[in-house]
Amino acid sequence: MDVSMAMWATTIGVLVALIAADFFIGGRKPHDVSLKEAGIWTAVWVLLAIGFGGFLWWHSGSAPAGQFFAGYITEKSLSVDNLFVFILIMAKFAVPSIYQQRVLMVGVLIALVLRAAFIAAGAAIIASFSWVFFIFGAFLIWTAWKLIKEARAGGEEEEFEENRLLKAVENRFPATDRYHGTKLLVVQNGKRLITPMLIVMLAIGTTDVLFAMDSIPAIFGLTQDPYIVFTANAFALMGLRQLYFLIGGLLKKLVHLSYGLSVILGFIGVKLLLHALHEAGAHWAPEIGIPFSLGFIVVVLAVTTVTSLMASRKEEQQMQESERELQKQ
């Protein structure tokens, strides 16, 4: 897809305007986010993503639009896994509920900037070294296997562990022991101190880099167009804040999510390896097209969601029956 600098500038400008509108309309004043508000804004960001995909179809044809939708759905599904960690971070830093929206907004913006750097680096590497697809493919397959092992071993309550950057910030800069509204810096006894608000925002933003380690190679397995990779990530991430409040309570019911994500990552890993073989001259290697990839990803997510809800409902019924038996005794 041929993207001019003017189109890049316009796209970034529109995204900045949308983010600003999101902030001034829904996130400027700290408050508890209701399910209705979260649902409306989630729908808005999904519709914006669909509209952008329609624009790509009109501008460049069905192929780029298909790549965007496949990338967007993949990044959206992988980002749901981020929400588990976000919940752990909010609990560790005891973030008041009225401030969680602001924390997520800034944290996600930090994550988007860091991902943009990852995307630029990935695009440069791919343009220079086609063999990197072998590494990406093998890494995704290994990640898929790791997810399956973790899912099978599940049931243990995880704890959030601070990364090195976050520990360095906390060690280098003195912090207050309580929140001061949405302030990031305060002055006490003539000393400038950071607040827990700044620390938790950095925690959200920098922790997302760990997720980008598999999500960026995954989307490059669907398209090598940096413009599509960036916009798919942007729309997936910018709707993440509202999704946190909308399905936060339902996350524990998605008990098969890790299995679904592992299947998707494994599939894209195989797709990347086949593409790498094809690029290396092995023309016998089949290429997996975007329509099939998009359909496969949607089906896997649908099956995963249905089986997760069925399993959760069955577990709840068993718990209720056990409670009735105990009451009878």
C-alpha atoms as a PDB file:
ATOM      1  CA  MET A   1       0.000   0.000   0.000  1.00  0.00           C
ATOM      2  CA  ASP A   2       1.465   3.349  -1.079  1.00  0.00           C
ATOM      3  CA  VAL A   3       1.068   5.806   1.805  1.00  0.00           C
ATOM      4  CA  SER A   4       2.278   9.377   1.389  1.00  0.00           C
ATOM      5  CA  MET A   5       3.680  11.517   4.195  1.00  0.00           C
ATOM      6  CA  ALA A   6       0.535  13.638   3.941  1.00  0.00           C
ATOM      7  CA  MET A   7      -1.633  10.584   4.610  1.00  0.00           C
ATOM      8  CA  TRP A   8       0.549   9.588   7.566  1.00  0.00           C
ATOM      9  CA  ALA A   9       0.303  13.109   8.989  1.00  0.00           C
ATOM     10  CA  THR A  10      -3.465  13.228   8.453  1.00  0.00           C
ATOM     11  CA  THR A  11      -3.974   9.837  10.074  1.00  0.00           C
ATOM     12  CA  ILE A  12      -1.918  10.743  13.134  1.00  0.00           C
ATOM     13  CA  GLY A  13      -3.710  14.089  13.351  1.00  0.00           C
ATOM     14  CA  VAL A  14      -7.127  12.400  13.250  1.00  0.00           C
ATOM     15  CA  LEU A  15      -6.058   9.883  15.917  1.00  0.00           C
ATOM     16  CA  VAL A  16      -4.819  12.695  18.164  1.00  0.00           C
ATOM     17  CA  ALA A  17      -8.134  14.532  17.669  1.00  0.00           C
ATOM     18  CA  LEU A  18     -10.099  11.376  18.555  1.00  0.00           C
ATOM     19  CA  ILE A  19      -7.995  10.787  21.645  1.00  0.00           C
ATOM     20  CA  ALA A  20      -8.468  14.423  22.694  1.00  0.00           C
ATOM     21  CA  ALA A  21     -12.237  14.139  22.191  1.00  0.00           C
ATOM     22  CA  ASP A  22     -12.267  10.937  24.241  1.00  0.00           C
ATOM     23  CA  PHE A  23     -10.401  12.717  27.040  1.00  0.00           C
ATOM     24  CA  PHE A  24     -12.435  15.935  27.128  1.00  0.00           C
ATOM     25  CA  ILE A  25     -15.804  14.220  26.764  1.00  0.00           C
ATOM     26  CA  GLY A  26     -15.374  11.171  28.953  1.00  0.00           C
ATOM     27  CA  GLY A  27     -12.124  11.298  30.874  1.00  0.00           C
ATOM     28  CA  ARG A  28     -11.369  14.891  31.889  1.00  0.00           C
ATOM     29  CA  LYS A  29     -13.143  14.708  35.240  1.00  0.00           C
ATOM     30  CA  PRO A  30     -12.198  11.766  37.510  1.00  0.00           C
ATOM     31  CA  HIS A  31     -15.231   9.569  38.152  1.00  0.00           C
ATOM     32  CA  ASP A  32     -16.390   5.984  38.473  1.00  0.00           C
ATOM     33  CA  VAL A  33     -17.093   4.617  35.002  1.00  0.00           C
ATOM     34  CA  SER A  34     -20.519   3.021  34.631  1.00  0.00           C
ATOM     35  CA  LEU A  35     -21.217   0.008  32.434  1.00  0.00           C
ATOM     36  CA  LYS A  36     -23.372   2.220  30.204  1.00  0.00           C
ATOM     37  CA  GLU A  37     -20.570   4.730  29.638  1.00  0.00           C
ATOM     38  CA  ALA A  38     -18.006   1.977  29.047  1.00  0.00           C
ATOM     39  CA  GLY A  39     -20.357   0.233  26.619  1.00  0.00           C
ATOM     40  CA  ILE A  40     -21.036   3.399  24.622  1.00  0.00           C
ATOM     41  CA  TRP A  41     -17.350   4.306  24.266  1.00  0.00           C
ATOM     42  CA  THR A  42     -16.389   0.715  23.431  1.00  0.00           C
ATOM     43  CA  ALA A  43     -18.975   0.734  20.653  1.00  0.00           C
ATOM     44  CA  VAL A  44     -17.695   4.126  19.444  1.00  0.00           C
ATOM     45  CA  TRP A  45     -14.109   2.877  19.088  1.00  0.00           C
ATOM     46  CA  VAL A  46     -15.226  -0.341  17.381  1.00  0.00           C
ATOM     47  CA  LEU A  47     -17.342   1.666  14.915  1.00  0.00           C
ATOM     48  CA  LEU A  48     -14.409   4.008  14.288  1.00  0.00           C
ATOM     49  CA  ALA A  49     -12.206   1.004  13.505  1.00  0.00           C
ATOM     50  CA  ILE A  50     -14.845  -0.381  11.133  1.00  0.00           C
ATOM     51  CA  GLY A  51     -15.139   3.041   9.499  1.00  0.00           C
ATOM     52  CA  PHE A  52     -11.375   3.244   9.037  1.00  0.00           C
ATOM     53  CA  GLY A  53     -11.379  -0.222   7.486  1.00  0.00           C
ATOM     54  CA  GLY A  54     -14.100   0.976   5.115  1.00  0.00           C
ATOM     55  CA  PHE A  55     -11.966   3.981   4.221  1.00  0.00           C
ATOM     56  CA  LEU A  56      -9.032   1.700   3.393  1.00  0.00           C
ATOM     57  CA  TRP A  57     -11.342  -0.392   1.185  1.00  0.00           C
ATOM     58  CA  TRP A  58     -12.445   2.743  -0.663  1.00  0.00           C
ATOM     59  CA  HIS A  59      -8.925   4.167  -0.889  1.00  0.00           C
ATOM     60  CA  SER A  60      -6.822   1.109  -1.682  1.00  0.00           C
ATOM     61  CA  GLY A  61      -9.091  -1.878  -2.251  1.00  0.00           C
ATOM     62  CA  SER A  62     -10.165  -4.993  -0.380  1.00  0.00           C
ATOM     63  CA  ALA A  63      -6.670  -6.405   0.292  1.00  0.00           C
ATOM     64  CA  PRO A  64      -5.430  -3.608   2.628  1.00  0.00           C
ATOM     65  CA  ALA A  65      -8.862  -3.452   4.287  1.00  0.00           C
ATOM     66  CA  GLY A  66      -8.780  -7.207   4.902  1.00  0.00           C
ATOM     67  CA  GLN A  67      -5.286  -6.950   6.343  1.00  0.00           C
ATOM     68  CA  PHE A  68      -6.403  -4.146   8.658  1.00  0.00           C
ATOM     69  CA  PHE A  69      -9.424  -6.063   9.964  1.00  0.00           C
ATOM     70  CA  ALA A  70      -7.371  -9.242  10.485  1.00  0.00           C
ATOM     71  CA  GLY A  71      -4.689  -7.237  12.296  1.00  0.00           C
ATOM     72  CA  TYR A  72      -7.219  -5.263  14.333  1.00  0.00           C
ATOM     73  CA  ILE A  73      -9.092  -8.354  15.518  1.00  0.00           C
ATOM     74  CA  THR A  74      -5.836 -10.126  16.360  1.00  0.00           C
ATOM     75  CA  GLU A  75      -4.478  -7.146  18.307  1.00  0.00           C
ATOM     76  CA  LYS A  76      -7.837  -6.650  20.039  1.00  0.00           C
ATOM     77  CA  SER A  77      -7.989 -10.276  21.153  1.00  0.00           C
ATOM     78  CA  LEU A  78      -4.385 -10.224  22.354  1.00  0.00           C
ATOM     79  CA  SER A  79      -4.990  -6.929  24.178  1.00  0.00           C
ATOM     80  CA  VAL A  80      -7.774  -8.537  26.215  1.00  0.00           C
ATOM     81  CA  ASP A  81      -5.026 -10.605  27.832  1.00  0.00           C
ATOM     82  CA  ASN A  82      -3.434  -7.292  28.905  1.00  0.00           C
ATOM     83  CA  LEU A  83      -6.496  -6.522  31.013  1.00  0.00           C
ATOM     84  CA  PHE A  84      -5.656  -9.330  33.444  1.00  0.00           C
ATOM     85  CA  VAL A  85      -2.314  -7.651  34.162  1.00  0.00           C
ATOM     86  CA  PHE A  86      -3.902  -4.192  34.332  1.00  0.00           C
ATOM     87  CA  ILE A  87      -6.213  -5.463  37.070  1.00  0.00           C
ATOM     88  CA  LEU A  88      -3.196  -6.785  39.002  1.00  0.00           C
ATOM     89  CA  ILE A  89      -1.413  -3.424  38.614  1.00  0.00           C
ATOM     90  CA  MET A  90      -4.456  -1.474  39.826  1.00  0.00           C
ATOM     91  CA  ALA A  91      -4.701  -3.749  42.867  1.00  0.00           C
ATOM     92  CA  LYS A  92      -0.979  -3.592  43.700  1.00  0.00           C
ATOM     93  CA  PHE A  93      -0.911   0.199  43.650  1.00  0.00           C
ATOM     94  CA  ALA A  94      -4.363   0.484  45.276  1.00  0.00           C
ATOM     95  CA  VAL A  95      -5.590   2.924  42.635  1.00  0.00           C
ATOM     96  CA  PRO A  96      -8.870   4.591  43.709  1.00  0.00           C
ATOM     97  CA  SER A  97     -11.675   3.687  41.306  1.00  0.00           C
ATOM     98  CA  ILE A  98     -12.286   7.314  40.299  1.00  0.00           C
ATOM     99  CA  TYR A  99      -8.691   7.629  39.055  1.00  0.00           C
ATOM    100  CA  GLN A 100      -8.463   4.343  37.171  1.00  0.00           C
ATOM    101  CA  GLN A 101      -9.814   5.839  33.959  1.00  0.00           C
ATOM    102  CA  ARG A 102      -7.096   8.532  33.908  1.00  0.00           C
ATOM    103  CA  VAL A 103      -4.393   5.952  34.696  1.00  0.00           C
ATOM    104  CA  LEU A 104      -5.490   3.745  31.808  1.00  0.00           C
ATOM    105  CA  MET A 105      -5.760   6.638  29.364  1.00  0.00           C
ATOM    106  CA  VAL A 106      -2.211   7.885  29.947  1.00  0.00           C
ATOM    107  CA  GLY A 107      -0.822   4.369  30.338  1.00  0.00           C
ATOM    108  CA  VAL A 108      -2.294   3.291  27.009  1.00  0.00           C
ATOM    109  CA  LEU A 109      -0.901   6.411  25.309  1.00  0.00           C
ATOM    110  CA  ILE A 110       2.569   5.530  26.620  1.00  0.00           C
ATOM    111  CA  ALA A 111       2.054   1.984  25.314  1.00  0.00           C
ATOM    112  CA  LEU A 112       1.027   3.295  21.879  1.00  0.00           C
ATOM    113  CA  VAL A 113       4.164   5.450  21.589  1.00  0.00           C
ATOM    114  CA  LEU A 114       6.379   2.520  22.590  1.00  0.00           C
ATOM    115  CA  ARG A 115       4.599   0.223  20.149  1.00  0.00           C
ATOM    116  CA  ALA A 116       5.099   2.761  17.360  1.00  0.00           C
ATOM    117  CA  ALA A 117       8.844   2.507  18.014  1.00  0.00           C
ATOM    118  CA  PHE A 118       8.601  -1.297  17.919  1.00  0.00           C
ATOM    119  CA  ILE A 119       6.679  -1.161  14.643  1.00  0.00           C
ATOM    120  CA  ALA A 120       9.217   1.182  13.039  1.00  0.00           C
ATOM    121  CA  ALA A 121      12.079  -1.070  14.125  1.00  0.00           C
ATOM    122  CA  GLY A 122      10.249  -4.188  12.936  1.00  0.00           C
ATOM    123  CA  ALA A 123       9.474  -2.668   9.538  1.00  0.00           C
ATOM    124  CA  ALA A 124      13.139  -1.640   9.085  1.00  0.00           C
ATOM    125  CA  ILE A 125      14.387  -5.110  10.007  1.00  0.00           C
ATOM    126  CA  ILE A 126      11.916  -6.849   7.681  1.00  0.00           C
ATOM    127  CA  ALA A 127      12.834  -4.539   4.799  1.00  0.00           C
ATOM    128  CA  SER A 128      16.520  -5.416   5.211  1.00  0.00           C
ATOM    129  CA  PHE A 129      16.429  -9.054   6.321  1.00  0.00           C
ATOM    130  CA  SER A 130      13.661 -11.279   4.955  1.00  0.00           C
ATOM    131  CA  TRP A 131      14.969 -14.225   6.982  1.00  0.00           C
ATOM    132  CA  VAL A 132      13.661 -12.514  10.132  1.00  0.00           C
ATOM    133  CA  PHE A 133      10.289 -14.138   9.296  1.00  0.00           C
ATOM    134  CA  PHE A 134      11.813 -17.471  10.361  1.00  0.00           C
ATOM    135  CA  ILE A 135      12.633 -15.947  13.764  1.00  0.00           C
ATOM    136  CA  PHE A 136       9.205 -14.317  14.113  1.00  0.00           C
ATOM    137  CA  GLY A 137       7.429 -17.534  13.134  1.00  0.00           C
ATOM    138  CA  ALA A 138       9.438 -19.720  15.502  1.00  0.00           C
ATOM    139  CA  PHE A 139       8.964 -17.196  18.325  1.00  0.00           C
ATOM    140  CA  LEU A 140       5.180 -17.140  17.880  1.00  0.00           C
ATOM    141  CA  ILE A 141       4.967 -20.939  17.859  1.00  0.00           C
ATOM    142  CA  TRP A 142       7.093 -21.060  21.023  1.00  0.00           C
ATOM    143  CA  THR A 143       4.848 -18.395  22.620  1.00  0.00           C
ATOM    144  CA  ALA A 144       1.750 -20.398  21.664  1.00  0.00           C
ATOM    145  CA  TRP A 145       3.182 -23.507  23.329  1.00  0.00           C
ATOM    146  CA  LYS A 146       4.108 -21.481  26.416  1.00  0.00           C
ATOM    147  CA  LEU A 147       0.533 -20.135  26.648  1.00  0.00           C
ATOM    148  CA  ILE A 148      -0.868 -23.666  26.493  1.00  0.00           C
ATOM    149  CA  LYS A 149       1.468 -24.841  29.254  1.00  0.00           C
ATOM    150  CA  GLU A 150       0.507 -21.873  31.441  1.00  0.00           C
ATOM    151  CA  ALA A 151      -3.202 -22.468  30.782  1.00  0.00           C
ATOM    152  CA  ARG A 152      -2.924 -26.143  31.689  1.00  0.00           C
ATOM    153  CA  ALA A 153      -1.059 -25.247  34.857  1.00  0.00           C
ATOM    154  CA  GLY A 154      -3.610 -22.463  35.663  1.00  0.00           C
ATOM    155  CA  GLY A 155      -5.485 -21.863  38.863  1.00  0.00           C
ATOM    156  CA  GLU A 156      -2.662 -20.007  40.616  1.00  0.00           C
ATOM    157  CA  GLU A 157      -3.190 -16.358  41.523  1.00  0.00           C
ATOM    158  CA  GLU A 158      -0.521 -14.262  39.830  1.00  0.00           C
ATOM    159  CA  GLU A 159       1.116 -11.161  41.225  1.00  0.00           C
ATOM    160  CA  PHE A 160       2.366  -8.171  39.318  1.00  0.00           C
ATOM    161  CA  GLU A 161       6.143  -7.855  39.282  1.00  0.00           C
ATOM    162  CA  GLU A 162       7.651  -4.470  38.527  1.00  0.00           C
ATOM    163  CA  ASN A 163       9.985  -4.281  35.537  1.00  0.00           C
ATOM    164  CA  ARG A 164      13.509  -2.849  35.729  1.00  0.00           C
ATOM    165  CA  LEU A 165      12.545   0.548  34.340  1.00  0.00           C
ATOM    166  CA  LEU A 166       9.813   0.979  36.930  1.00  0.00           C
ATOM    167  CA  LYS A 167      12.140  -0.082  39.765  1.00  0.00           C
ATOM    168  CA  ALA A 168      14.780   2.371  38.511  1.00  0.00           C
ATOM    169  CA  VAL A 169      12.264   5.233  38.555  1.00  0.00           C
ATOM    170  CA  GLU A 170      11.118   4.394  42.080  1.00  0.00           C
ATOM    171  CA  ASN A 171      14.718   4.118  43.324  1.00  0.00           C
ATOM    172  CA  ARG A 172      15.906   7.288  41.590  1.00  0.00           C
ATOM    173  CA  PHE A 173      12.982   9.604  42.358  1.00  0.00           C
ATOM    174  CA  PRO A 174      11.383   9.900  45.819  1.00  0.00           C
ATOM    175  CA  ALA A 175       7.626   9.346  45.852  1.00  0.00           C
ATOM    176  CA  THR A 176       4.767  10.278  48.127  1.00  0.00           C
ATOM    177  CA  ASP A 177       2.990   7.591  50.126  1.00  0.00           C
ATOM    178  CA  ARG A 178      -0.490   8.585  48.932  1.00  0.00           C
ATOM    179  CA  TYR A 179      -2.345   9.888  45.893  1.00  0.00           C
ATOM    180  CA  HIS A 180      -2.793  13.621  45.352  1.00  0.00           C
ATOM    181  CA  GLY A 181      -5.733  13.591  42.989  1.00  0.00           C
ATOM    182  CA  THR A 182      -4.523  13.233  39.414  1.00  0.00           C
ATOM    183  CA  LYS A 183      -1.279  15.121  40.075  1.00  0.00           C
ATOM    184  CA  LEU A 184       1.902  13.434  38.882  1.00  0.00           C
ATOM    185  CA  LEU A 185       4.314  15.696  40.803  1.00  0.00           C
ATOM    186  CA  VAL A 186       3.955  17.567  44.078  1.00  0.00           C
ATOM    187  CA  VAL A 187       6.210  19.755  46.206  1.00  0.00           C
ATOM    188  CA  GLN A 188       6.532  18.885  49.895  1.00  0.00           C
ATOM    189  CA  ASN A 189       8.945  20.630  52.280  1.00  0.00           C
ATOM    190  CA  GLY A 190      10.636  22.249  49.309  1.00  0.00           C
ATOM    191  CA  LYS A 191      11.252  18.910  47.566  1.00  0.00           C
ATOM    192  CA  ARG A 192       9.692  17.816  44.290  1.00  0.00           C
ATOM    193  CA  LEU A 193       8.210  14.324  44.631  1.00  0.00           C
ATOM    194  CA  ILE A 194       6.482  11.992  42.197  1.00  0.00           C
ATOM    195  CA  THR A 195       3.125  10.495  43.147  1.00  0.00           C
ATOM    196  CA  PRO A 196       1.850   6.922  42.898  1.00  0.00           C
ATOM    197  CA  MET A 197      -0.273   8.164  39.976  1.00  0.00           C
ATOM    198  CA  LEU A 198       2.840   8.638  37.817  1.00  0.00           C
ATOM    199  CA  ILE A 199       4.288   5.283  38.872  1.00  0.00           C
ATOM    200  CA  VAL A 200       1.155   3.322  38.024  1.00  0.00           C
ATOM    201  CA  MET A 201       0.835   5.080  34.645  1.00  0.00           C
ATOM    202  CA  LEU A 202       4.394   4.054  33.829  1.00  0.00           C
ATOM    203  CA  ALA A 203       3.595   0.531  35.031  1.00  0.00           C
ATOM    204  CA  ILE A 204       0.660   0.242  32.614  1.00  0.00           C
ATOM    205  CA  GLY A 205       2.578   1.714  29.680  1.00  0.00           C
ATOM    206  CA  THR A 206       5.871  -0.148  30.092  1.00  0.00           C
ATOM    207  CA  THR A 207       4.300  -3.490  30.966  1.00  0.00           C
ATOM    208  CA  ASP A 208       2.496  -3.409  27.620  1.00  0.00           C
ATOM    209  CA  VAL A 209       5.922  -3.653  25.945  1.00  0.00           C
ATOM    210  CA  LEU A 210       6.078  -7.266  27.112  1.00  0.00           C
ATOM    211  CA  PHE A 211       2.824  -7.989  25.288  1.00  0.00           C
ATOM    212  CA  ALA A 212       4.106  -6.186  22.205  1.00  0.00           C
ATOM    213  CA  MET A 213       6.868  -8.780  22.003  1.00  0.00           C
ATOM    214  CA  ASP A 214       4.354 -11.274  20.619  1.00  0.00           C
ATOM    215  CA  SER A 215       1.595  -9.029  19.247  1.00  0.00           C
ATOM    216  CA  ILE A 216       3.879  -7.045  16.910  1.00  0.00           C
ATOM    217  CA  PRO A 217       5.391 -10.159  15.248  1.00  0.00           C
ATOM    218  CA  ALA A 218       1.860 -11.576  15.070  1.00  0.00           C
ATOM    219  CA  ILE A 219       0.452  -8.666  13.079  1.00  0.00           C
ATOM    220  CA  PHE A 220       3.543  -8.576  10.847  1.00  0.00           C
ATOM    221  CA  GLY A 221       2.575 -12.141  10.039  1.00  0.00           C
ATOM    222  CA  LEU A 222      -0.674 -10.815   8.591  1.00  0.00           C
ATOM    223  CA  THR A 223       0.676  -7.724   6.841  1.00  0.00           C
ATOM    224  CA  GLN A 224       4.082  -6.144   6.330  1.00  0.00           C
ATOM    225  CA  ASP A 225       2.616  -2.691   5.721  1.00  0.00           C
ATOM    226  CA  PRO A 226       3.775  -0.401   8.592  1.00  0.00           C
ATOM    227  CA  TYR A 227       0.772   1.905   8.064  1.00  0.00           C
ATOM    228  CA  ILE A 228      -1.725  -0.919   8.549  1.00  0.00           C
ATOM    229  CA  VAL A 229       0.267  -2.376  11.461  1.00  0.00           C
ATOM    230  CA  PHE A 230       0.312   0.997  13.234  1.00  0.00           C
ATOM    231  CA  THR A 231      -3.350   1.879  12.678  1.00  0.00           C
ATOM    232  CA  ALA A 232      -4.547  -1.603  13.701  1.00  0.00           C
ATOM    233  CA  ASN A 233      -2.547  -1.297  16.934  1.00  0.00           C
ATOM    234  CA  ALA A 234      -3.792   2.251  17.527  1.00  0.00           C
ATOM    235  CA  PHE A 235      -7.484   1.393  17.202  1.00  0.00           C
ATOM    236  CA  ALA A 236      -7.087  -1.800  19.261  1.00  0.00           C
ATOM    237  CA  LEU A 237      -5.264  -0.012  22.087  1.00  0.00           C
ATOM    238  CA  MET A 238      -7.399   3.128  22.209  1.00  0.00           C
ATOM    239  CA  GLY A 239     -10.536   1.131  22.888  1.00  0.00           C
ATOM    240  CA  LEU A 240      -8.814  -0.870  25.620  1.00  0.00           C
ATOM    241  CA  ARG A 241      -9.560   1.577  28.431  1.00  0.00           C
ATOM    242  CA  GLN A 242     -13.316   1.319  28.003  1.00  0.00           C
ATOM    243  CA  LEU A 243     -13.097  -2.444  27.540  1.00  0.00           C
ATOM    244  CA  TYR A 244     -11.399  -2.668  30.941  1.00  0.00           C
ATOM    245  CA  PHE A 245     -14.478  -1.269  32.654  1.00  0.00           C
ATOM    246  CA  LEU A 246     -16.938  -3.099  30.411  1.00  0.00           C
ATOM    247  CA  ILE A 247     -15.710  -6.675  30.769  1.00  0.00           C
ATOM    248  CA  GLY A 248     -13.422  -6.388  33.792  1.00  0.00           C
ATOM    249  CA  GLY A 249     -15.821  -8.491  35.827  1.00  0.00           C
ATOM    250  CA  LEU A 250     -16.253 -11.028  33.034  1.00  0.00           C
ATOM    251  CA  LEU A 251     -12.543 -11.710  32.457  1.00  0.00           C
ATOM    252  CA  LYS A 252     -12.453 -14.588  34.929  1.00  0.00           C
ATOM    253  CA  LYS A 253     -15.183 -16.297  32.909  1.00  0.00           C
ATOM    254  CA  LEU A 254     -13.011 -16.395  29.778  1.00  0.00           C
ATOM    255  CA  VAL A 255     -11.297 -19.526  31.068  1.00  0.00           C
ATOM    256  CA  HIS A 256     -10.313 -20.748  27.598  1.00  0.00           C
ATOM    257  CA  LEU A 257      -8.923 -17.430  26.357  1.00  0.00           C
ATOM    258  CA  SER A 258      -5.299 -18.562  26.645  1.00  0.00           C
ATOM    259  CA  TYR A 259      -6.057 -21.627  24.528  1.00  0.00           C
ATOM    260  CA  GLY A 260      -7.684 -19.503  21.843  1.00  0.00           C
ATOM    261  CA  LEU A 261      -4.807 -17.017  21.793  1.00  0.00           C
ATOM    262  CA  SER A 262      -2.279 -19.849  21.608  1.00  0.00           C
ATOM    263  CA  VAL A 263      -4.074 -21.312  18.583  1.00  0.00           C
ATOM    264  CA  ILE A 264      -4.097 -17.908  16.866  1.00  0.00           C
ATOM    265  CA  LEU A 265      -0.417 -17.246  17.601  1.00  0.00           C
ATOM    266  CA  GLY A 266       0.530 -20.748  16.489  1.00  0.00           C
ATOM    267  CA  PHE A 267      -1.441 -20.333  13.261  1.00  0.00           C
ATOM    268  CA  ILE A 268       0.221 -16.996  12.478  1.00  0.00           C
ATOM    269  CA  GLY A 269       3.600 -18.515  13.348  1.00  0.00           C
ATOM    270  CA  VAL A 270       3.060 -21.277  10.779  1.00  0.00           C
ATOM    271  CA  LYS A 271       1.872 -18.653   8.281  1.00  0.00           C
ATOM    272  CA  LEU A 272       5.093 -16.702   8.833  1.00  0.00           C
ATOM    273  CA  LEU A 273       7.292 -19.777   8.382  1.00  0.00           C
ATOM    274  CA  LEU A 274       5.537 -20.654   5.123  1.00  0.00           C
ATOM    275  CA  HIS A 275       5.944 -17.070   3.937  1.00  0.00           C
ATOM    276  CA  ALA A 276       9.645 -17.146   4.877  1.00  0.00           C
ATOM    277  CA  LEU A 277      10.140 -20.374   2.931  1.00  0.00           C
ATOM    278  CA  HIS A 278       8.380 -18.850  -0.066  1.00  0.00           C
ATOM    279  CA  GLU A 279      10.591 -15.744   0.132  1.00  0.00           C
ATOM    280  CA  ALA A 280      13.675 -17.967   0.361  1.00  0.00           C
ATOM    281  CA  GLY A 281      12.816 -19.584  -2.984  1.00  0.00           C
ATOM    282  CA  ALA A 282      10.793 -22.594  -1.835  1.00  0.00           C
ATOM    283  CA  HIS A 283       7.862 -21.830  -4.137  1.00  0.00           C
ATOM    284  CA  TRP A 284       6.254 -25.145  -3.257  1.00  0.00           C
ATOM    285  CA  ALA A 285       5.410 -23.659   0.163  1.00  0.00           C
ATOM    286  CA  PRO A 286       1.737 -22.581   0.179  1.00  0.00           C
ATOM    287  CA  GLU A 287       0.832 -19.011   1.111  1.00  0.00           C
ATOM    288  CA  ILE A 288      -2.098 -18.526   3.501  1.00  0.00           C
ATOM    289  CA  GLY A 289      -4.293 -15.672   2.297  1.00  0.00           C
ATOM    290  CA  ILE A 290      -5.838 -12.913   4.393  1.00  0.00           C
ATOM    291  CA  PRO A 291      -9.499 -13.992   3.864  1.00  0.00           C
ATOM    292  CA  PHE A 292      -8.711 -17.439   5.297  1.00  0.00           C
ATOM    293  CA  SER A 293      -6.642 -15.917   8.122  1.00  0.00           C
ATOM    294  CA  LEU A 294      -9.418 -13.491   9.051  1.00  0.00           C
ATOM    295  CA  GLY A 295     -12.048 -16.230   9.037  1.00  0.00           C
ATOM    296  CA  PHE A 296      -9.837 -18.563  11.084  1.00  0.00           C
ATOM    297  CA  ILE A 297      -9.159 -15.920  13.753  1.00  0.00           C
ATOM    298  CA  VAL A 298     -12.848 -14.988  14.064  1.00  0.00           C
ATOM    299  CA  VAL A 299     -13.931 -18.645  14.348  1.00  0.00           C
ATOM    300  CA  VAL A 300     -11.295 -19.411  17.011  1.00  0.00           C
ATOM    301  CA  LEU A 301     -12.334 -16.397  19.093  1.00  0.00           C
ATOM    302  CA  ALA A 302     -16.029 -17.264  18.762  1.00  0.00           C
ATOM    303  CA  VAL A 303     -15.485 -20.900  19.781  1.00  0.00           C
ATOM    304  CA  THR A 304     -13.211 -19.842  22.658  1.00  0.00           C
ATOM    305  CA  THR A 305     -15.793 -17.387  23.992  1.00  0.00           C
ATOM    306  CA  VAL A 306     -18.680 -19.873  23.770  1.00  0.00           C
ATOM    307  CA  THR A 307     -16.783 -22.744  25.397  1.00  0.00           C
ATOM    308  CA  SER A 308     -15.452 -20.393  28.114  1.00  0.00           C
ATOM    309  CA  LEU A 309     -18.936 -19.198  29.047  1.00  0.00           C
ATOM    310  CA  MET A 310     -20.278 -22.765  29.008  1.00  0.00           C
ATOM    311  CA  ALA A 311     -17.459 -23.966  31.257  1.00  0.00           C
ATOM    312  CA  SER A 312     -17.928 -21.035  33.643  1.00  0.00           C
ATOM    313  CA  ARG A 313     -21.682 -21.626  33.840  1.00  0.00           C
ATOM    314  CA  LYS A 314     -21.128 -25.320  34.554  1.00  0.00           C
ATOM    315  CA  GLU A 315     -18.639 -24.485  37.311  1.00  0.00           C
ATOM    316  CA  GLU A 316     -21.076 -21.991  38.881  1.00  0.00           C
ATOM    317  CA  GLN A 317     -23.857 -24.597  38.832  1.00  0.00           C
ATOM    318  CA  GLN A 318     -21.591 -27.130  40.523  1.00  0.00           C
ATOM    319  CA  MET A 319     -20.676 -24.595  43.220  1.00  0.00           C
ATOM    320  CA  GLN A 320     -24.351 -23.803  43.807  1.00  0.00           C
ATOM    321  CA  GLU A 321     -25.182 -27.497  44.116  1.00  0.00           C
ATOM    322  CA  SER A 322     -22.322 -27.954  46.570  1.00  0.00           C
ATOM    323  CA  GLU A 323     -23.635 -25.060  48.671  1.00  0.00           C
ATOM    324  CA  ARG A 324     -27.138 -26.567  48.709  1.00  0.00           C
ATOM    325  CA  GLU A 325     -25.712 -29.891  49.872  1.00  0.00           C
ATOM    326  CA  LEU A 326     -23.834 -28.167  52.683  1.00  0.00           C
ATOM    327  CA  GLN A 327     -26.967 -26.275  53.742  1.00  0.00           C
ATOM    328  CA  LYS A 328     -28.960 -29.521  53.885  1.00  0.00           C
ATOM    329  CA  GLN A 329     -26.372 -31.011  56.207  1.00  0.00           C
END
